[in-house]
Every structure is written in C-alpha cells, then in structure tokens.
Amino acid sequence: MKILLIPFLLAAGALASCSDRDFRGEEFSNFYRGPAEATTQERVERREIVHWAKNPRDKKRIGFLWKYETQVAGSRSVRESYYIMNLTGTKREGFVTAEGEFYRFDENGRRGEFVGAYPIQTTGLKVFFGFPLTDSIDLEEIDPHK
C-alpha cells in the first residue's frame, strides 16, 4: 500500500509545482486602460496666442491655441492635436498635428492648405499668421480676470 502511495504523491507534487494557482490575471486589468469603445476627443488646454514686433509691452492677442487629446476606437494610445482659433475663439482657423504639420482650414471648415511642418510651435504660428520670423509670438495662459 505504501509503495502505491509514493508514486501518487510524487505525481501530485509534480502537477502542483507546474500550476499557476497564485496568478490572478484580473488584477492587471485595474492598471491598464482597455481599448476605447468609441472615438473620443477632449480639450485639455487653452492658450492665448500673443504677438509683438519689438517691444513686449505692445503685445496683441491674435488668436487661441486649443490642445486636444484624441483616442480612436479600438486603440489604447492618446494622440495630441491642436486647433488654431480666431481672435474671438468662435471659429477654427487651422490645425496642427502632433508632428508639427500646420494646415489652414478653407471657408467650409475643411482641412485645406498645407502651410508647412515646423518642429517649434511658435515658428509655425509666425508662418501661419504671416509674421516675419524676427517678430515674437508667445503662448500665454488665459487670464480670466482680463
């Protein structure tokens, strides 16, 4: 009887050592976002675009830059993009990709003319608005008390 019990205990021990009884895969789902079910776009930041030629005291607002985060359906990654708004913030004038490609919208609101690709946002904004590169453009936080 003891001789039959020893192979059985060895086989049970071998099977138990190969199991993953301590693994709880459902715990990892709390740490990682699943794929998006629908395409979502959320505005995360608004900046005021100001321009001046020589004297910084002569700053003039010329528009707004709105930063959006977009998540495409079925994807886990978030992609950044920017909209260039007009002086009052009511109409989209242009679009900037995460790679720095600037586009101007046509009169129907569709992506139209390709302005150029610029790694530095302020340089691209100068070209977009038609200012010389010697002028200054800055992105400032919007002051609600102005």
C-alpha atoms as a PDB file:
ATOM      1  CA  MET A   1       0.000   0.000   0.000  1.00  0.00           C
ATOM      2  CA  LYS A   2       2.816   2.422   0.880  1.00  0.00           C
ATOM      3  CA  ILE A   3       4.548   1.596  -2.394  1.00  0.00           C
ATOM      4  CA  LEU A   4       1.459   2.619  -4.417  1.00  0.00           C
ATOM      5  CA  LEU A   5       1.059   5.820  -2.415  1.00  0.00           C
ATOM      6  CA  ILE A   6       4.587   7.141  -3.105  1.00  0.00           C
ATOM      7  CA  PRO A   7       4.237   7.420  -6.952  1.00  0.00           C
ATOM      8  CA  PHE A   8       0.840   9.031  -6.498  1.00  0.00           C
ATOM      9  CA  LEU A   9       2.263  11.669  -4.110  1.00  0.00           C
ATOM     10  CA  LEU A  10       5.194  12.340  -6.457  1.00  0.00           C
ATOM     11  CA  ALA A  11       2.831  12.801  -9.421  1.00  0.00           C
ATOM     12  CA  ALA A  12       0.576  15.124  -7.399  1.00  0.00           C
ATOM     13  CA  GLY A  13       3.596  17.154  -6.288  1.00  0.00           C
ATOM     14  CA  ALA A  14       4.856  17.460  -9.858  1.00  0.00           C
ATOM     15  CA  LEU A  15       1.464  18.667 -11.091  1.00  0.00           C
ATOM     16  CA  ALA A  16       1.138  21.186  -8.256  1.00  0.00           C
ATOM     17  CA  SER A  17       4.568  22.663  -8.948  1.00  0.00           C
ATOM     18  CA  CYS A  18       3.667  23.326 -12.596  1.00  0.00           C
ATOM     19  CA  SER A  19       0.376  25.066 -11.873  1.00  0.00           C
ATOM     20  CA  ASP A  20      -0.188  28.816 -11.763  1.00  0.00           C
ATOM     21  CA  ARG A  21      -2.503  28.787  -8.778  1.00  0.00           C
ATOM     22  CA  ASP A  22      -1.102  32.098  -7.470  1.00  0.00           C
ATOM     23  CA  PHE A  23      -1.678  34.009 -10.739  1.00  0.00           C
ATOM     24  CA  ARG A  24      -4.560  36.443 -10.738  1.00  0.00           C
ATOM     25  CA  GLY A  25      -4.788  37.944 -14.223  1.00  0.00           C
ATOM     26  CA  GLU A  26      -7.822  40.068 -13.439  1.00  0.00           C
ATOM     27  CA  GLU A  27      -5.718  42.244 -11.117  1.00  0.00           C
ATOM     28  CA  PHE A  28      -3.706  43.606 -14.055  1.00  0.00           C
ATOM     29  CA  SER A  29      -6.811  44.992 -15.737  1.00  0.00           C
ATOM     30  CA  ASN A  30      -7.031  47.579 -12.958  1.00  0.00           C
ATOM     31  CA  PHE A  31      -3.696  49.068 -14.001  1.00  0.00           C
ATOM     32  CA  TYR A  32      -4.102  49.222 -17.788  1.00  0.00           C
ATOM     33  CA  ARG A  33      -6.747  51.023 -19.765  1.00  0.00           C
ATOM     34  CA  GLY A  34      -8.603  48.819 -22.201  1.00  0.00           C
ATOM     35  CA  PRO A  35      -9.119  49.724 -25.850  1.00  0.00           C
ATOM     36  CA  ALA A  36     -11.530  52.587 -26.453  1.00  0.00           C
ATOM     37  CA  GLU A  37     -15.026  51.612 -27.471  1.00  0.00           C
ATOM     38  CA  ALA A  38     -15.665  54.853 -29.351  1.00  0.00           C
ATOM     39  CA  THR A  39     -13.565  57.696 -30.690  1.00  0.00           C
ATOM     40  CA  THR A  40     -13.343  60.459 -28.103  1.00  0.00           C
ATOM     41  CA  GLN A  41     -11.845  63.917 -28.253  1.00  0.00           C
ATOM     42  CA  GLU A  42     -11.299  66.074 -25.187  1.00  0.00           C
ATOM     43  CA  ARG A  43      -9.938  69.622 -24.917  1.00  0.00           C
ATOM     44  CA  VAL A  44      -7.250  69.625 -22.258  1.00  0.00           C
ATOM     45  CA  GLU A  45      -5.668  73.070 -22.589  1.00  0.00           C
ATOM     46  CA  ARG A  46      -6.356  76.553 -23.967  1.00  0.00           C
ATOM     47  CA  ARG A  47      -3.640  79.103 -24.623  1.00  0.00           C
ATOM     48  CA  GLU A  48      -3.771  82.668 -25.870  1.00  0.00           C
ATOM     49  CA  ILE A  49      -1.560  83.475 -28.893  1.00  0.00           C
ATOM     50  CA  VAL A  50       0.005  86.914 -28.483  1.00  0.00           C
ATOM     51  CA  HIS A  51       2.223  88.772 -30.952  1.00  0.00           C
ATOM     52  CA  TRP A  52       4.581  91.723 -30.709  1.00  0.00           C
ATOM     53  CA  ALA A  53       7.210  93.153 -33.025  1.00  0.00           C
ATOM     54  CA  LYS A  54       9.886  94.854 -30.914  1.00  0.00           C
ATOM     55  CA  ASN A  55       8.510  95.879 -27.531  1.00  0.00           C
ATOM     56  CA  PRO A  56       6.856  93.178 -25.367  1.00  0.00           C
ATOM     57  CA  ARG A  57       4.601  95.868 -23.890  1.00  0.00           C
ATOM     58  CA  ASP A  58       2.868  96.066 -27.277  1.00  0.00           C
ATOM     59  CA  LYS A  59       1.504  92.526 -27.036  1.00  0.00           C
ATOM     60  CA  LYS A  60      -1.640  91.940 -29.028  1.00  0.00           C
ATOM     61  CA  ARG A  61      -3.833  88.838 -28.947  1.00  0.00           C
ATOM     62  CA  ILE A  62      -4.201  87.296 -32.397  1.00  0.00           C
ATOM     63  CA  GLY A  63      -5.978  84.045 -31.561  1.00  0.00           C
ATOM     64  CA  PHE A  64      -6.145  80.955 -29.384  1.00  0.00           C
ATOM     65  CA  LEU A  65      -4.450  77.566 -29.471  1.00  0.00           C
ATOM     66  CA  TRP A  66      -6.607  74.712 -28.159  1.00  0.00           C
ATOM     67  CA  LYS A  67      -4.921  71.409 -27.329  1.00  0.00           C
ATOM     68  CA  TYR A  68      -6.991  68.238 -27.750  1.00  0.00           C
ATOM     69  CA  GLU A  69      -6.361  64.607 -26.842  1.00  0.00           C
ATOM     70  CA  THR A  70      -7.988  62.119 -29.209  1.00  0.00           C
ATOM     71  CA  GLN A  71      -8.400  58.405 -28.637  1.00  0.00           C
ATOM     72  CA  VAL A  72      -9.501  56.394 -31.655  1.00  0.00           C
ATOM     73  CA  ALA A  73     -11.919  53.482 -31.208  1.00  0.00           C
ATOM     74  CA  GLY A  74     -10.046  50.224 -30.611  1.00  0.00           C
ATOM     75  CA  SER A  75      -6.837  51.990 -29.583  1.00  0.00           C
ATOM     76  CA  ARG A  76      -5.181  52.397 -26.198  1.00  0.00           C
ATOM     77  CA  SER A  77      -2.976  55.335 -27.161  1.00  0.00           C
ATOM     78  CA  VAL A  78      -3.920  59.001 -26.949  1.00  0.00           C
ATOM     79  CA  ARG A  79      -2.906  61.395 -29.734  1.00  0.00           C
ATOM     80  CA  GLU A  80      -2.424  65.141 -29.302  1.00  0.00           C
ATOM     81  CA  SER A  81      -3.574  67.733 -31.798  1.00  0.00           C
ATOM     82  CA  TYR A  82      -4.065  71.486 -31.769  1.00  0.00           C
ATOM     83  CA  TYR A  83      -6.662  73.837 -33.234  1.00  0.00           C
ATOM     84  CA  ILE A  84      -5.845  77.437 -34.061  1.00  0.00           C
ATOM     85  CA  MET A  85      -8.889  79.563 -33.258  1.00  0.00           C
ATOM     86  CA  ASN A  86      -9.714  83.088 -34.395  1.00  0.00           C
ATOM     87  CA  LEU A  87      -9.471  86.204 -32.233  1.00  0.00           C
ATOM     88  CA  THR A  88     -12.828  85.620 -30.540  1.00  0.00           C
ATOM     89  CA  GLY A  89     -12.377  81.841 -30.157  1.00  0.00           C
ATOM     90  CA  THR A  90     -15.508  81.031 -32.172  1.00  0.00           C
ATOM     91  CA  LYS A  91     -14.094  79.770 -35.494  1.00  0.00           C
ATOM     92  CA  ARG A  92     -11.361  77.256 -36.281  1.00  0.00           C
ATOM     93  CA  GLU A  93      -8.711  78.821 -38.478  1.00  0.00           C
ATOM     94  CA  GLY A  94      -6.238  75.950 -38.662  1.00  0.00           C
ATOM     95  CA  PHE A  95      -5.000  72.631 -37.366  1.00  0.00           C
ATOM     96  CA  VAL A  96      -1.628  71.412 -36.062  1.00  0.00           C
ATOM     97  CA  THR A  97      -0.740  67.727 -35.823  1.00  0.00           C
ATOM     98  CA  ALA A  98       1.405  66.216 -33.070  1.00  0.00           C
ATOM     99  CA  GLU A  99       4.291  66.116 -35.572  1.00  0.00           C
ATOM    100  CA  GLY A 100       4.120  69.885 -36.141  1.00  0.00           C
ATOM    101  CA  GLU A 101       2.352  69.950 -39.529  1.00  0.00           C
ATOM    102  CA  PHE A 102       0.282  73.128 -39.923  1.00  0.00           C
ATOM    103  CA  TYR A 103      -2.894  73.219 -42.029  1.00  0.00           C
ATOM    104  CA  ARG A 104      -5.246  76.095 -42.781  1.00  0.00           C
ATOM    105  CA  PHE A 105      -8.991  75.436 -42.954  1.00  0.00           C
ATOM    106  CA  ASP A 106     -10.966  76.559 -46.002  1.00  0.00           C
ATOM    107  CA  GLU A 107     -14.192  78.610 -45.865  1.00  0.00           C
ATOM    108  CA  ASN A 108     -16.250  75.429 -45.400  1.00  0.00           C
ATOM    109  CA  GLY A 109     -14.271  74.370 -42.312  1.00  0.00           C
ATOM    110  CA  ARG A 110     -12.430  71.525 -44.041  1.00  0.00           C
ATOM    111  CA  ARG A 111      -8.696  70.987 -43.865  1.00  0.00           C
ATOM    112  CA  GLY A 112      -7.350  72.884 -46.821  1.00  0.00           C
ATOM    113  CA  GLU A 113      -3.956  74.392 -47.490  1.00  0.00           C
ATOM    114  CA  PHE A 114      -0.812  72.777 -46.068  1.00  0.00           C
ATOM    115  CA  VAL A 115       1.211  75.616 -44.517  1.00  0.00           C
ATOM    116  CA  GLY A 116       4.317  73.643 -43.560  1.00  0.00           C
ATOM    117  CA  ALA A 117       5.932  71.414 -40.955  1.00  0.00           C
ATOM    118  CA  TYR A 118       7.752  73.126 -38.107  1.00  0.00           C
ATOM    119  CA  PRO A 119       9.216  71.437 -35.021  1.00  0.00           C
ATOM    120  CA  ILE A 120       8.830  74.606 -32.936  1.00  0.00           C
ATOM    121  CA  GLN A 121       5.240  75.743 -32.460  1.00  0.00           C
ATOM    122  CA  THR A 122       5.971  79.462 -32.300  1.00  0.00           C
ATOM    123  CA  THR A 123       7.850  79.375 -35.621  1.00  0.00           C
ATOM    124  CA  GLY A 124       4.949  77.595 -37.272  1.00  0.00           C
ATOM    125  CA  LEU A 125       2.482  80.111 -35.821  1.00  0.00           C
ATOM    126  CA  LYS A 126       4.525  83.015 -37.222  1.00  0.00           C
ATOM    127  CA  VAL A 127       4.408  81.459 -40.694  1.00  0.00           C
ATOM    128  CA  PHE A 128       0.710  80.579 -40.284  1.00  0.00           C
ATOM    129  CA  PHE A 129      -0.248  84.181 -39.428  1.00  0.00           C
ATOM    130  CA  GLY A 130       2.199  85.713 -41.933  1.00  0.00           C
ATOM    131  CA  PHE A 131       4.516  87.476 -39.484  1.00  0.00           C
ATOM    132  CA  PRO A 132       8.262  87.809 -40.097  1.00  0.00           C
ATOM    133  CA  LEU A 133      10.444  85.379 -38.166  1.00  0.00           C
ATOM    134  CA  THR A 134      12.099  88.301 -36.346  1.00  0.00           C
ATOM    135  CA  ASP A 135       8.798  89.108 -34.587  1.00  0.00           C
ATOM    136  CA  SER A 136       7.819  87.363 -31.372  1.00  0.00           C
ATOM    137  CA  ILE A 137       4.864  85.097 -30.656  1.00  0.00           C
ATOM    138  CA  ASP A 138       4.097  83.602 -27.282  1.00  0.00           C
ATOM    139  CA  LEU A 139       1.522  81.189 -25.899  1.00  0.00           C
ATOM    140  CA  GLU A 140       0.154  82.530 -22.632  1.00  0.00           C
ATOM    141  CA  GLU A 141      -2.311  81.111 -20.181  1.00  0.00           C
ATOM    142  CA  ILE A 142      -5.716  82.723 -20.418  1.00  0.00           C
ATOM    143  CA  ASP A 143      -6.327  85.212 -17.632  1.00  0.00           C
ATOM    144  CA  PRO A 144      -9.999  85.020 -16.614  1.00  0.00           C
ATOM    145  CA  HIS A 145      -9.795  88.481 -15.000  1.00  0.00           C
ATOM    146  CA  LYS A 146      -8.758  90.369 -18.156  1.00  0.00           C
END
